[in-house]
């Protein structure tokens, strides 16, 4: 933190003023340097606030939905959060400093885990997980879930599978046990058709 030579005044909705006494850098290395500059306001003790404008000015894309908020820099997901139903504010999850530069696969997995529960129905979650496991027979998948062989898949439990069993064409095609009809006929062979009238036979 660095003390400010001239404290910055911040106006509250009720007309009262608060003053920023120091400046610092937000400890989120994933963010651009221009978006990491913050002010220390002693009177603001409820929770730290992150302004959207500096993020956008630094090239980030901030997206708000009814229940979630995300911050992207190009295709890279930087921050995710959920909305508090009590006060209507979005709360961002601070990333672990020890994993400031995750691998792309880890990054995509964390992104899906942070947003999938808020944006996807239980039936779609089960169908997605079933397809990701190569569309096994539902009885096999149910037994594996009950025995604890499959854990940690968002939205997939034995109960949700029973409530929302997916109807997958891939499962049907992959577990066919019937032979197509008319491939091995048991009827006697029909006689060959008669030769045309001008056809000559040679013995």
N, C-alpha and C. Protein backbone atom coordinates (compact mmCIF):
# COMPACT_ATOMS: atom_id res chain seq x y z
N UNK A 1 0.85 -1.19 0.00
CA UNK A 1 0.00 0.00 0.00
C UNK A 1 0.88 1.24 0.00
N UNK A 2 0.40 2.25 -0.69
CA UNK A 2 1.12 3.52 -0.76
C UNK A 2 0.16 4.63 -0.34
N UNK A 3 0.56 5.48 0.62
CA UNK A 3 -0.34 6.57 1.04
C UNK A 3 -0.55 7.58 -0.08
N UNK A 4 -1.75 8.12 -0.17
CA UNK A 4 -2.08 9.11 -1.17
C UNK A 4 -1.71 10.50 -0.66
N UNK A 5 -1.10 11.28 -1.53
CA UNK A 5 -0.77 12.65 -1.14
C UNK A 5 -2.03 13.47 -0.95
N UNK A 6 -3.05 13.20 -1.75
CA UNK A 6 -4.32 13.90 -1.63
C UNK A 6 -5.43 12.84 -1.59
N UNK A 7 -6.04 12.61 -0.43
CA UNK A 7 -7.10 11.60 -0.32
C UNK A 7 -8.21 11.83 -1.33
N UNK A 8 -8.74 10.71 -1.86
CA UNK A 8 -9.79 10.75 -2.88
C UNK A 8 -11.13 10.64 -2.17
N UNK A 9 -12.06 11.55 -2.48
CA UNK A 9 -13.39 11.55 -1.86
C UNK A 9 -14.33 10.68 -2.67
N UNK A 10 -15.14 9.89 -1.96
CA UNK A 10 -16.14 9.03 -2.58
C UNK A 10 -17.49 9.39 -1.97
N UNK A 11 -18.47 9.68 -2.85
CA UNK A 11 -19.80 10.07 -2.39
C UNK A 11 -20.67 8.84 -2.20
N UNK A 12 -21.42 8.82 -1.11
CA UNK A 12 -22.40 7.78 -0.84
C UNK A 12 -23.78 8.22 -1.30
N UNK A 13 -24.70 7.28 -1.51
CA UNK A 13 -26.06 7.66 -1.92
C UNK A 13 -26.76 8.61 -0.94
N UNK A 14 -26.41 8.53 0.34
CA UNK A 14 -27.05 9.41 1.32
C UNK A 14 -26.37 10.77 1.43
N UNK A 15 -25.37 11.03 0.58
CA UNK A 15 -24.69 12.32 0.58
C UNK A 15 -23.43 12.36 1.42
N UNK A 16 -23.20 11.37 2.25
CA UNK A 16 -21.99 11.35 3.08
C UNK A 16 -20.77 11.05 2.22
N UNK A 17 -19.62 11.48 2.69
CA UNK A 17 -18.36 11.28 1.97
C UNK A 17 -17.47 10.30 2.71
N UNK A 18 -16.80 9.45 1.93
CA UNK A 18 -15.73 8.60 2.44
C UNK A 18 -14.46 8.96 1.69
N UNK A 19 -13.31 8.69 2.31
CA UNK A 19 -12.05 9.11 1.71
C UNK A 19 -11.10 7.92 1.59
N UNK A 20 -10.52 7.79 0.41
CA UNK A 20 -9.48 6.79 0.19
C UNK A 20 -8.16 7.36 0.65
N UNK A 21 -7.46 6.62 1.51
CA UNK A 21 -6.22 7.11 2.09
C UNK A 21 -4.98 6.48 1.46
N UNK A 22 -5.13 5.32 0.82
CA UNK A 22 -3.99 4.62 0.22
C UNK A 22 -4.39 4.04 -1.13
N UNK A 23 -3.42 3.70 -1.92
CA UNK A 23 -3.63 2.96 -3.15
C UNK A 23 -2.77 1.71 -3.13
N UNK A 24 -3.17 0.70 -3.89
CA UNK A 24 -2.45 -0.57 -3.91
C UNK A 24 -2.79 -1.31 -5.19
N UNK A 25 -2.24 -2.54 -5.32
CA UNK A 25 -2.54 -3.40 -6.46
C UNK A 25 -3.30 -4.61 -5.96
N UNK A 26 -4.40 -4.92 -6.62
CA UNK A 26 -5.20 -6.09 -6.28
C UNK A 26 -4.38 -7.36 -6.52
N UNK A 27 -4.42 -8.26 -5.57
CA UNK A 27 -3.61 -9.47 -5.63
C UNK A 27 -4.28 -10.55 -6.49
N UNK A 28 -4.53 -10.19 -7.75
CA UNK A 28 -5.07 -11.14 -8.73
C UNK A 28 -4.20 -11.02 -9.98
N UNK A 29 -3.11 -11.76 -10.08
CA UNK A 29 -2.19 -11.62 -11.22
C UNK A 29 -2.84 -11.87 -12.57
N UNK A 30 -3.96 -12.60 -12.60
CA UNK A 30 -4.61 -12.87 -13.88
C UNK A 30 -5.14 -11.60 -14.53
N UNK A 31 -5.50 -10.61 -13.73
CA UNK A 31 -6.08 -9.38 -14.28
C UNK A 31 -5.01 -8.52 -14.92
N UNK A 32 -5.37 -7.74 -15.96
CA UNK A 32 -4.41 -6.77 -16.51
C UNK A 32 -3.97 -5.77 -15.44
N UNK A 33 -2.77 -5.25 -15.59
CA UNK A 33 -2.22 -4.33 -14.59
C UNK A 33 -3.12 -3.11 -14.41
N UNK A 34 -3.72 -2.62 -15.51
CA UNK A 34 -4.56 -1.43 -15.42
C UNK A 34 -5.82 -1.68 -14.61
N UNK A 35 -6.24 -2.93 -14.48
CA UNK A 35 -7.46 -3.25 -13.74
C UNK A 35 -7.18 -3.64 -12.30
N UNK A 36 -5.92 -3.64 -11.90
CA UNK A 36 -5.56 -4.09 -10.55
C UNK A 36 -5.38 -2.94 -9.57
N UNK A 37 -5.44 -1.72 -10.04
CA UNK A 37 -5.25 -0.58 -9.14
C UNK A 37 -6.47 -0.39 -8.26
N UNK A 38 -6.27 -0.31 -6.95
CA UNK A 38 -7.37 -0.18 -6.01
C UNK A 38 -7.06 0.92 -5.00
N UNK A 39 -8.12 1.39 -4.36
CA UNK A 39 -8.00 2.37 -3.28
C UNK A 39 -8.40 1.71 -1.96
N UNK A 40 -7.70 2.10 -0.90
CA UNK A 40 -8.01 1.64 0.44
C UNK A 40 -8.88 2.70 1.11
N UNK A 41 -10.12 2.30 1.49
CA UNK A 41 -11.08 3.22 2.10
C UNK A 41 -11.39 2.69 3.50
N UNK A 42 -10.82 3.28 4.52
CA UNK A 42 -11.03 2.75 5.89
C UNK A 42 -12.50 2.67 6.29
N UNK A 43 -13.33 3.62 5.85
CA UNK A 43 -14.73 3.61 6.26
C UNK A 43 -15.55 2.53 5.55
N UNK A 44 -15.01 1.93 4.52
CA UNK A 44 -15.73 0.88 3.80
C UNK A 44 -15.31 -0.46 4.39
N UNK A 45 -16.02 -0.91 5.39
CA UNK A 45 -15.61 -2.10 6.14
C UNK A 45 -16.50 -3.32 5.89
N UNK A 46 -17.58 -3.15 5.13
CA UNK A 46 -18.49 -4.29 4.92
C UNK A 46 -17.89 -5.33 3.99
N UNK A 47 -17.40 -4.91 2.84
CA UNK A 47 -16.81 -5.84 1.87
C UNK A 47 -16.07 -5.03 0.81
N UNK A 48 -15.02 -5.57 0.21
CA UNK A 48 -14.35 -4.86 -0.87
C UNK A 48 -15.23 -4.83 -2.12
N UNK A 49 -15.17 -3.73 -2.85
CA UNK A 49 -15.95 -3.56 -4.07
C UNK A 49 -15.02 -3.53 -5.27
N UNK A 50 -15.46 -4.15 -6.36
CA UNK A 50 -14.71 -4.13 -7.62
C UNK A 50 -15.53 -3.38 -8.65
N UNK A 51 -14.94 -2.32 -9.21
CA UNK A 51 -15.64 -1.52 -10.21
C UNK A 51 -15.56 -2.20 -11.57
N UNK A 52 -16.64 -2.11 -12.32
CA UNK A 52 -16.70 -2.75 -13.64
C UNK A 52 -15.95 -1.92 -14.69
N UNK A 53 -16.03 -0.60 -14.58
CA UNK A 53 -15.44 0.26 -15.61
C UNK A 53 -13.94 0.02 -15.79
N UNK A 54 -13.12 -0.06 -14.74
CA UNK A 54 -11.69 -0.33 -14.97
C UNK A 54 -11.43 -1.67 -15.65
N UNK A 55 -12.26 -2.67 -15.35
CA UNK A 55 -12.09 -3.96 -16.02
C UNK A 55 -12.36 -3.83 -17.51
N UNK A 56 -13.43 -3.13 -17.87
CA UNK A 56 -13.75 -2.95 -19.28
C UNK A 56 -12.70 -2.08 -19.97
N UNK A 57 -12.22 -1.04 -19.29
CA UNK A 57 -11.20 -0.18 -19.89
C UNK A 57 -9.90 -0.94 -20.14
N UNK A 58 -9.65 -1.99 -19.35
CA UNK A 58 -8.44 -2.79 -19.53
C UNK A 58 -8.61 -3.89 -20.57
N UNK A 59 -9.77 -3.93 -21.24
CA UNK A 59 -9.99 -4.91 -22.30
C UNK A 59 -10.76 -6.14 -21.88
N UNK A 60 -11.23 -6.20 -20.65
CA UNK A 60 -11.99 -7.36 -20.19
C UNK A 60 -13.44 -7.27 -20.66
N UNK A 61 -14.09 -8.41 -20.72
CA UNK A 61 -15.51 -8.50 -21.03
C UNK A 61 -16.22 -9.01 -19.78
N UNK A 62 -17.09 -8.18 -19.22
CA UNK A 62 -17.81 -8.52 -18.00
C UNK A 62 -19.25 -8.83 -18.38
N UNK A 63 -19.72 -10.02 -18.01
CA UNK A 63 -21.07 -10.47 -18.36
C UNK A 63 -21.86 -10.74 -17.09
N UNK A 64 -23.05 -10.16 -17.02
CA UNK A 64 -23.95 -10.39 -15.89
C UNK A 64 -25.20 -11.10 -16.39
N UNK A 65 -25.61 -12.14 -15.65
CA UNK A 65 -26.90 -12.77 -15.88
C UNK A 65 -27.73 -12.62 -14.60
N UNK A 66 -28.87 -13.26 -14.58
CA UNK A 66 -29.72 -13.16 -13.40
C UNK A 66 -29.04 -13.73 -12.16
N UNK A 67 -28.18 -14.73 -12.35
CA UNK A 67 -27.60 -15.42 -11.20
C UNK A 67 -26.08 -15.44 -11.17
N UNK A 68 -25.41 -15.10 -12.27
CA UNK A 68 -23.96 -15.25 -12.32
C UNK A 68 -23.30 -14.01 -12.91
N UNK A 69 -22.00 -13.93 -12.71
CA UNK A 69 -21.16 -12.89 -13.32
C UNK A 69 -19.84 -13.52 -13.72
N UNK A 70 -19.34 -13.14 -14.89
CA UNK A 70 -18.06 -13.66 -15.37
C UNK A 70 -17.22 -12.52 -15.93
N UNK A 71 -15.91 -12.68 -15.83
CA UNK A 71 -14.96 -11.71 -16.37
C UNK A 71 -14.01 -12.47 -17.28
N UNK A 72 -14.00 -12.12 -18.56
CA UNK A 72 -13.13 -12.75 -19.55
C UNK A 72 -12.13 -11.73 -20.09
N UNK A 73 -10.98 -12.23 -20.48
CA UNK A 73 -10.01 -11.46 -21.25
C UNK A 73 -9.73 -12.27 -22.50
N UNK A 74 -10.38 -11.90 -23.62
CA UNK A 74 -10.36 -12.74 -24.80
C UNK A 74 -11.09 -14.03 -24.48
N UNK A 75 -10.53 -15.19 -24.85
CA UNK A 75 -11.20 -16.46 -24.53
C UNK A 75 -10.93 -16.94 -23.11
N UNK A 76 -10.09 -16.25 -22.37
CA UNK A 76 -9.65 -16.71 -21.05
C UNK A 76 -10.59 -16.23 -19.96
N UNK A 77 -11.07 -17.16 -19.15
CA UNK A 77 -11.92 -16.82 -18.02
C UNK A 77 -11.06 -16.41 -16.84
N UNK A 78 -11.29 -15.19 -16.32
CA UNK A 78 -10.49 -14.68 -15.21
C UNK A 78 -11.21 -14.82 -13.87
N UNK A 79 -12.49 -14.43 -13.82
CA UNK A 79 -13.22 -14.44 -12.56
C UNK A 79 -14.64 -14.94 -12.81
N UNK A 80 -15.20 -15.59 -11.81
CA UNK A 80 -16.60 -16.00 -11.85
C UNK A 80 -17.22 -15.67 -10.49
N UNK A 81 -18.53 -15.57 -10.46
CA UNK A 81 -19.21 -15.29 -9.21
C UNK A 81 -20.69 -15.54 -9.34
N UNK A 82 -21.38 -15.48 -8.22
CA UNK A 82 -22.81 -15.71 -8.17
C UNK A 82 -23.49 -14.52 -7.50
N UNK A 83 -24.79 -14.40 -7.71
CA UNK A 83 -25.55 -13.28 -7.18
C UNK A 83 -26.19 -13.64 -5.85
N UNK A 84 -26.09 -12.72 -4.92
CA UNK A 84 -26.68 -12.91 -3.61
C UNK A 84 -28.17 -12.57 -3.69
N UNK A 85 -29.06 -13.53 -3.45
CA UNK A 85 -30.51 -13.23 -3.55
C UNK A 85 -31.00 -12.25 -2.49
N UNK A 86 -30.23 -12.07 -1.42
CA UNK A 86 -30.68 -11.18 -0.34
C UNK A 86 -30.50 -9.71 -0.67
N UNK A 87 -29.36 -9.35 -1.28
CA UNK A 87 -29.11 -7.93 -1.58
C UNK A 87 -28.98 -7.64 -3.06
N UNK A 88 -29.01 -8.69 -3.93
CA UNK A 88 -28.94 -8.46 -5.36
C UNK A 88 -27.55 -8.18 -5.89
N UNK A 89 -26.52 -8.24 -5.05
CA UNK A 89 -25.15 -7.98 -5.49
C UNK A 89 -24.49 -9.26 -5.96
N UNK A 90 -23.55 -9.12 -6.91
CA UNK A 90 -22.79 -10.26 -7.39
C UNK A 90 -21.51 -10.39 -6.57
N UNK A 91 -21.21 -11.60 -6.12
CA UNK A 91 -20.01 -11.86 -5.33
C UNK A 91 -19.04 -12.68 -6.18
N UNK A 92 -17.85 -12.13 -6.41
CA UNK A 92 -16.85 -12.81 -7.23
C UNK A 92 -15.98 -13.70 -6.36
N UNK A 93 -15.65 -14.87 -6.89
CA UNK A 93 -14.75 -15.78 -6.20
C UNK A 93 -13.32 -15.40 -6.52
N UNK A 94 -12.52 -15.15 -5.49
CA UNK A 94 -11.14 -14.78 -5.70
C UNK A 94 -10.31 -16.02 -6.02
N UNK A 95 -9.50 -15.98 -7.08
CA UNK A 95 -8.71 -17.17 -7.43
C UNK A 95 -7.60 -17.40 -6.43
N UNK A 96 -7.15 -18.66 -6.37
CA UNK A 96 -6.06 -19.04 -5.48
C UNK A 96 -4.76 -18.49 -6.05
N UNK A 97 -3.99 -17.67 -5.28
CA UNK A 97 -2.73 -17.14 -5.81
C UNK A 97 -1.74 -18.22 -6.22
N UNK A 98 -1.85 -19.41 -5.60
CA UNK A 98 -0.92 -20.49 -5.95
C UNK A 98 -1.24 -21.09 -7.31
N UNK A 99 -2.43 -20.76 -7.86
CA UNK A 99 -2.81 -21.28 -9.18
C UNK A 99 -3.21 -20.10 -10.06
N UNK A 100 -2.35 -19.09 -10.09
CA UNK A 100 -2.65 -17.88 -10.85
C UNK A 100 -2.64 -18.14 -12.34
N UNK A 101 -1.90 -19.17 -12.78
CA UNK A 101 -1.80 -19.45 -14.22
C UNK A 101 -2.15 -20.91 -14.46
N UNK A 102 -3.41 -21.26 -14.36
CA UNK A 102 -3.79 -22.66 -14.54
C UNK A 102 -3.66 -23.08 -15.99
N UNK A 103 -3.59 -24.38 -16.18
CA UNK A 103 -3.55 -24.89 -17.54
C UNK A 103 -4.90 -24.68 -18.20
N UNK A 104 -4.96 -24.68 -19.54
CA UNK A 104 -6.26 -24.47 -20.20
C UNK A 104 -7.32 -25.47 -19.77
N UNK A 105 -6.94 -26.76 -19.60
CA UNK A 105 -7.92 -27.76 -19.20
C UNK A 105 -8.43 -27.47 -17.80
N UNK A 106 -7.52 -27.16 -16.88
CA UNK A 106 -7.93 -26.83 -15.51
C UNK A 106 -8.82 -25.61 -15.52
N UNK A 107 -8.46 -24.64 -16.34
CA UNK A 107 -9.23 -23.39 -16.41
C UNK A 107 -10.64 -23.65 -16.91
N UNK A 108 -10.78 -24.48 -17.94
CA UNK A 108 -12.11 -24.77 -18.47
C UNK A 108 -12.93 -25.55 -17.47
N UNK A 109 -12.30 -26.49 -16.74
CA UNK A 109 -13.02 -27.27 -15.75
C UNK A 109 -13.53 -26.38 -14.63
N UNK A 110 -12.68 -25.47 -14.15
CA UNK A 110 -13.10 -24.57 -13.09
C UNK A 110 -14.23 -23.67 -13.58
N UNK A 111 -14.15 -23.24 -14.84
CA UNK A 111 -15.20 -22.38 -15.38
C UNK A 111 -16.53 -23.12 -15.41
N UNK A 112 -16.52 -24.37 -15.89
CA UNK A 112 -17.77 -25.13 -15.96
C UNK A 112 -18.33 -25.38 -14.57
N UNK A 113 -17.44 -25.73 -13.62
CA UNK A 113 -17.93 -26.03 -12.28
C UNK A 113 -18.51 -24.80 -11.61
N UNK A 114 -18.00 -23.61 -11.96
CA UNK A 114 -18.47 -22.40 -11.30
C UNK A 114 -19.80 -21.92 -11.85
N UNK A 115 -20.13 -22.31 -13.09
CA UNK A 115 -21.32 -21.74 -13.70
C UNK A 115 -22.39 -22.76 -14.06
N UNK A 116 -22.04 -24.02 -14.09
CA UNK A 116 -22.97 -24.99 -14.65
C UNK A 116 -24.21 -25.17 -13.79
N UNK A 117 -24.05 -25.11 -12.45
CA UNK A 117 -25.20 -25.32 -11.59
C UNK A 117 -26.22 -24.20 -11.70
N UNK A 118 -25.77 -23.00 -12.12
CA UNK A 118 -26.66 -21.87 -12.16
C UNK A 118 -27.37 -21.74 -13.52
N UNK A 119 -26.86 -22.38 -14.53
CA UNK A 119 -27.36 -22.11 -15.86
C UNK A 119 -27.93 -23.32 -16.56
N UNK A 120 -27.87 -24.50 -15.95
CA UNK A 120 -28.27 -25.71 -16.63
C UNK A 120 -29.30 -26.45 -15.78
N UNK A 121 -30.31 -27.02 -16.44
CA UNK A 121 -31.35 -27.77 -15.73
C UNK A 121 -30.79 -29.12 -15.29
N UNK A 122 -31.38 -29.74 -14.26
CA UNK A 122 -30.91 -31.06 -13.82
C UNK A 122 -30.96 -32.11 -14.92
N UNK A 123 -32.00 -32.07 -15.75
CA UNK A 123 -32.10 -33.06 -16.83
C UNK A 123 -30.96 -32.90 -17.83
N UNK A 124 -30.61 -31.66 -18.16
CA UNK A 124 -29.51 -31.43 -19.09
C UNK A 124 -28.17 -31.84 -18.48
N UNK A 125 -28.00 -31.62 -17.18
CA UNK A 125 -26.78 -32.03 -16.51
C UNK A 125 -26.60 -33.54 -16.59
N UNK A 126 -27.68 -34.27 -16.32
CA UNK A 126 -27.60 -35.73 -16.37
C UNK A 126 -27.32 -36.20 -17.80
N UNK A 127 -28.00 -35.60 -18.77
CA UNK A 127 -27.79 -36.00 -20.17
C UNK A 127 -26.36 -35.71 -20.62
N UNK A 128 -25.81 -34.55 -20.20
CA UNK A 128 -24.44 -34.19 -20.57
C UNK A 128 -23.45 -35.17 -19.95
N UNK A 129 -23.63 -35.47 -18.66
CA UNK A 129 -22.72 -36.39 -17.99
C UNK A 129 -22.82 -37.79 -18.60
N UNK A 130 -24.02 -38.22 -18.93
CA UNK A 130 -24.22 -39.54 -19.54
C UNK A 130 -23.50 -39.63 -20.88
N UNK A 131 -23.62 -38.57 -21.69
CA UNK A 131 -22.93 -38.56 -22.99
C UNK A 131 -21.42 -38.50 -22.81
N UNK A 132 -20.95 -37.77 -21.78
CA UNK A 132 -19.51 -37.68 -21.54
C UNK A 132 -18.91 -39.01 -21.13
N UNK A 133 -19.72 -39.88 -20.57
CA UNK A 133 -19.26 -41.21 -20.17
C UNK A 133 -19.51 -42.24 -21.26
N UNK A 134 -19.70 -41.78 -22.49
CA UNK A 134 -19.86 -42.63 -23.67
C UNK A 134 -21.17 -43.41 -23.66
N UNK A 135 -22.22 -42.79 -23.10
CA UNK A 135 -23.59 -43.30 -23.19
C UNK A 135 -23.73 -44.74 -22.74
N UNK A 136 -23.34 -45.06 -21.50
CA UNK A 136 -23.51 -46.45 -21.05
C UNK A 136 -24.98 -46.78 -20.81
N UNK A 137 -25.25 -48.06 -20.62
CA UNK A 137 -26.60 -48.47 -20.25
C UNK A 137 -26.96 -47.82 -18.91
N UNK A 138 -28.21 -47.37 -18.79
CA UNK A 138 -28.61 -46.64 -17.59
C UNK A 138 -28.47 -47.50 -16.34
N UNK A 139 -28.75 -48.78 -16.45
CA UNK A 139 -28.61 -49.67 -15.28
C UNK A 139 -27.16 -49.76 -14.84
N UNK A 140 -26.24 -49.82 -15.81
CA UNK A 140 -24.81 -49.88 -15.48
C UNK A 140 -24.36 -48.59 -14.81
N UNK A 141 -24.80 -47.45 -15.36
CA UNK A 141 -24.42 -46.16 -14.78
C UNK A 141 -25.00 -46.02 -13.38
N UNK A 142 -26.24 -46.45 -13.19
CA UNK A 142 -26.88 -46.35 -11.88
C UNK A 142 -26.12 -47.19 -10.85
N UNK A 143 -25.74 -48.41 -11.21
CA UNK A 143 -25.00 -49.27 -10.29
C UNK A 143 -23.65 -48.65 -9.94
N UNK A 144 -22.97 -48.06 -10.93
CA UNK A 144 -21.67 -47.44 -10.68
C UNK A 144 -21.79 -46.26 -9.72
N UNK A 145 -22.86 -45.48 -9.86
CA UNK A 145 -23.08 -44.35 -8.96
C UNK A 145 -23.38 -44.84 -7.55
N UNK A 146 -24.21 -45.87 -7.43
CA UNK A 146 -24.57 -46.38 -6.11
C UNK A 146 -23.35 -46.98 -5.39
N UNK A 147 -22.43 -47.57 -6.15
CA UNK A 147 -21.25 -48.18 -5.55
C UNK A 147 -20.12 -47.18 -5.33
N UNK A 148 -20.33 -45.93 -5.75
CA UNK A 148 -19.31 -44.91 -5.52
C UNK A 148 -18.17 -44.92 -6.52
N UNK A 149 -18.35 -45.57 -7.66
CA UNK A 149 -17.30 -45.60 -8.66
C UNK A 149 -17.20 -44.28 -9.44
N UNK A 150 -18.29 -43.53 -9.48
CA UNK A 150 -18.31 -42.25 -10.19
C UNK A 150 -18.69 -41.17 -9.19
N UNK A 151 -17.79 -40.23 -8.96
CA UNK A 151 -18.05 -39.13 -8.03
C UNK A 151 -17.56 -37.83 -8.63
N UNK A 152 -18.09 -36.72 -8.12
CA UNK A 152 -17.60 -35.41 -8.50
C UNK A 152 -18.11 -34.89 -9.83
N UNK A 153 -19.05 -35.58 -10.46
CA UNK A 153 -19.61 -35.10 -11.73
C UNK A 153 -20.77 -34.16 -11.42
N UNK A 154 -20.71 -32.89 -11.85
CA UNK A 154 -21.77 -31.93 -11.47
C UNK A 154 -23.16 -32.40 -11.90
N UNK A 155 -24.06 -32.48 -10.93
CA UNK A 155 -25.45 -32.80 -11.23
C UNK A 155 -25.76 -34.25 -11.43
N UNK A 156 -24.76 -35.14 -11.37
CA UNK A 156 -25.00 -36.56 -11.64
C UNK A 156 -24.92 -37.36 -10.35
N UNK A 157 -26.05 -37.85 -9.91
CA UNK A 157 -26.14 -38.78 -8.78
C UNK A 157 -27.12 -39.88 -9.15
N UNK A 158 -27.16 -40.90 -8.31
CA UNK A 158 -28.12 -41.98 -8.57
C UNK A 158 -29.55 -41.46 -8.54
N UNK A 159 -29.81 -40.50 -7.65
CA UNK A 159 -31.16 -39.95 -7.55
C UNK A 159 -31.53 -39.13 -8.77
N UNK A 160 -30.62 -38.25 -9.22
CA UNK A 160 -30.94 -37.44 -10.39
C UNK A 160 -31.04 -38.30 -11.65
N UNK A 161 -30.28 -39.39 -11.70
CA UNK A 161 -30.39 -40.30 -12.84
C UNK A 161 -31.75 -40.97 -12.86
N UNK A 162 -32.26 -41.36 -11.69
CA UNK A 162 -33.59 -41.97 -11.64
C UNK A 162 -34.68 -40.97 -11.99
N UNK A 163 -34.51 -39.72 -11.58
CA UNK A 163 -35.53 -38.71 -11.86
C UNK A 163 -35.49 -38.21 -13.30
N UNK A 164 -34.30 -38.15 -13.88
CA UNK A 164 -34.15 -37.60 -15.23
C UNK A 164 -33.35 -38.58 -16.10
N UNK A 165 -33.88 -39.77 -16.37
CA UNK A 165 -33.12 -40.72 -17.20
C UNK A 165 -33.01 -40.20 -18.64
N UNK A 166 -31.81 -40.07 -19.16
CA UNK A 166 -31.66 -39.57 -20.53
C UNK A 166 -32.08 -40.60 -21.56
N UNK A 167 -32.65 -40.12 -22.64
CA UNK A 167 -33.03 -40.98 -23.76
C UNK A 167 -32.02 -40.75 -24.87
N UNK A 168 -31.06 -41.65 -24.98
CA UNK A 168 -29.94 -41.46 -25.89
C UNK A 168 -29.99 -42.47 -27.03
N UNK A 169 -29.94 -41.97 -28.25
CA UNK A 169 -29.88 -42.87 -29.42
C UNK A 169 -28.59 -43.66 -29.41
N UNK A 170 -27.49 -43.01 -28.92
CA UNK A 170 -26.20 -43.70 -28.88
C UNK A 170 -26.25 -44.91 -27.96
N UNK A 171 -26.97 -44.81 -26.86
CA UNK A 171 -27.10 -45.96 -25.96
C UNK A 171 -27.86 -47.08 -26.65
N UNK A 172 -28.94 -46.74 -27.35
CA UNK A 172 -29.73 -47.77 -28.04
C UNK A 172 -28.91 -48.47 -29.11
N UNK A 173 -28.19 -47.70 -29.90
CA UNK A 173 -27.40 -48.30 -30.97
C UNK A 173 -26.22 -49.11 -30.42
N UNK A 174 -25.68 -48.68 -29.30
CA UNK A 174 -24.52 -49.37 -28.75
C UNK A 174 -24.85 -50.63 -27.98
N UNK A 175 -26.14 -50.85 -27.69
CA UNK A 175 -26.52 -52.02 -26.91
C UNK A 175 -27.63 -52.82 -27.59
N UNK A 176 -27.61 -52.88 -28.90
CA UNK A 176 -28.60 -53.67 -29.63
C UNK A 176 -28.32 -55.16 -29.43
N UNK A 177 -29.36 -55.92 -29.16
CA UNK A 177 -29.21 -57.38 -29.03
C UNK A 177 -30.17 -58.12 -29.95
N UNK A 178 -30.73 -57.44 -30.93
CA UNK A 178 -31.65 -58.06 -31.88
C UNK A 178 -31.04 -57.99 -33.28
N UNK A 179 -31.36 -58.99 -34.09
CA UNK A 179 -30.88 -59.04 -35.47
C UNK A 179 -31.95 -58.50 -36.39
N UNK A 180 -31.53 -57.70 -37.34
CA UNK A 180 -32.47 -57.12 -38.28
C UNK A 180 -33.22 -58.20 -39.04
N UNK A 181 -34.50 -57.96 -39.29
CA UNK A 181 -35.34 -58.94 -39.96
C UNK A 181 -34.95 -59.08 -41.44
N UNK A 182 -35.35 -60.28 -42.01
CA UNK A 182 -35.21 -60.58 -43.44
C UNK A 182 -33.76 -60.71 -43.89
N UNK A 183 -32.84 -60.89 -42.94
CA UNK A 183 -31.46 -61.12 -43.35
C UNK A 183 -31.20 -62.61 -43.58
N UNK A 184 -31.90 -63.47 -42.84
CA UNK A 184 -31.74 -64.92 -42.98
C UNK A 184 -33.14 -65.53 -43.08
N UNK A 185 -33.69 -65.51 -44.27
CA UNK A 185 -35.06 -65.99 -44.45
C UNK A 185 -35.12 -67.51 -44.35
N UNK A 186 -36.18 -68.01 -43.72
CA UNK A 186 -36.40 -69.46 -43.60
C UNK A 186 -37.33 -70.00 -44.68
N UNK A 187 -37.81 -69.13 -45.56
CA UNK A 187 -38.70 -69.56 -46.63
C UNK A 187 -37.90 -70.19 -47.76
N UNK A 188 -38.50 -71.22 -48.46
CA UNK A 188 -37.76 -71.84 -49.59
C UNK A 188 -37.54 -70.82 -50.70
N UNK A 189 -36.45 -71.05 -51.39
CA UNK A 189 -36.11 -70.13 -52.47
C UNK A 189 -37.16 -70.19 -53.57
N UNK A 190 -37.53 -69.07 -54.07
CA UNK A 190 -38.52 -69.01 -55.15
C UNK A 190 -37.86 -69.46 -56.45
N UNK A 191 -38.64 -70.11 -57.38
CA UNK A 191 -38.06 -70.54 -58.66
C UNK A 191 -37.61 -69.33 -59.47
N UNK A 192 -36.59 -69.52 -60.32
CA UNK A 192 -36.12 -68.39 -61.13
C UNK A 192 -37.20 -67.97 -62.12
N UNK A 193 -37.20 -66.75 -62.50
CA UNK A 193 -38.22 -66.27 -63.44
C UNK A 193 -38.02 -66.93 -64.80
N UNK A 194 -39.11 -67.11 -65.58
CA UNK A 194 -38.99 -67.74 -66.91
C UNK A 194 -38.16 -66.86 -67.84
N UNK A 195 -37.45 -67.50 -68.81
CA UNK A 195 -36.65 -66.71 -69.75
C UNK A 195 -37.55 -65.91 -70.69
N UNK A 196 -37.06 -64.85 -71.25
CA UNK A 196 -37.85 -64.07 -72.20
C UNK A 196 -38.18 -64.91 -73.43
N UNK A 197 -39.23 -64.53 -74.20
CA UNK A 197 -39.68 -65.35 -75.34
C UNK A 197 -38.61 -65.58 -76.38
N UNK A 198 -37.74 -64.65 -76.66
CA UNK A 198 -36.75 -64.80 -77.73
C UNK A 198 -35.44 -65.38 -77.20
N UNK A 199 -35.46 -65.92 -76.03
CA UNK A 199 -34.24 -66.45 -75.43
C UNK A 199 -34.02 -67.89 -75.95
N UNK A 200 -32.84 -68.22 -76.40
CA UNK A 200 -32.52 -69.55 -76.88
C UNK A 200 -31.65 -70.27 -75.88
N UNK A 201 -31.95 -71.56 -75.72
CA UNK A 201 -31.15 -72.37 -74.86
C UNK A 201 -30.28 -73.31 -75.70
N UNK A 202 -29.08 -73.53 -75.22
CA UNK A 202 -28.15 -74.42 -75.91
C UNK A 202 -27.75 -75.49 -74.93
N UNK A 203 -27.87 -76.74 -75.38
CA UNK A 203 -27.51 -77.84 -74.50
C UNK A 203 -26.09 -78.26 -74.69
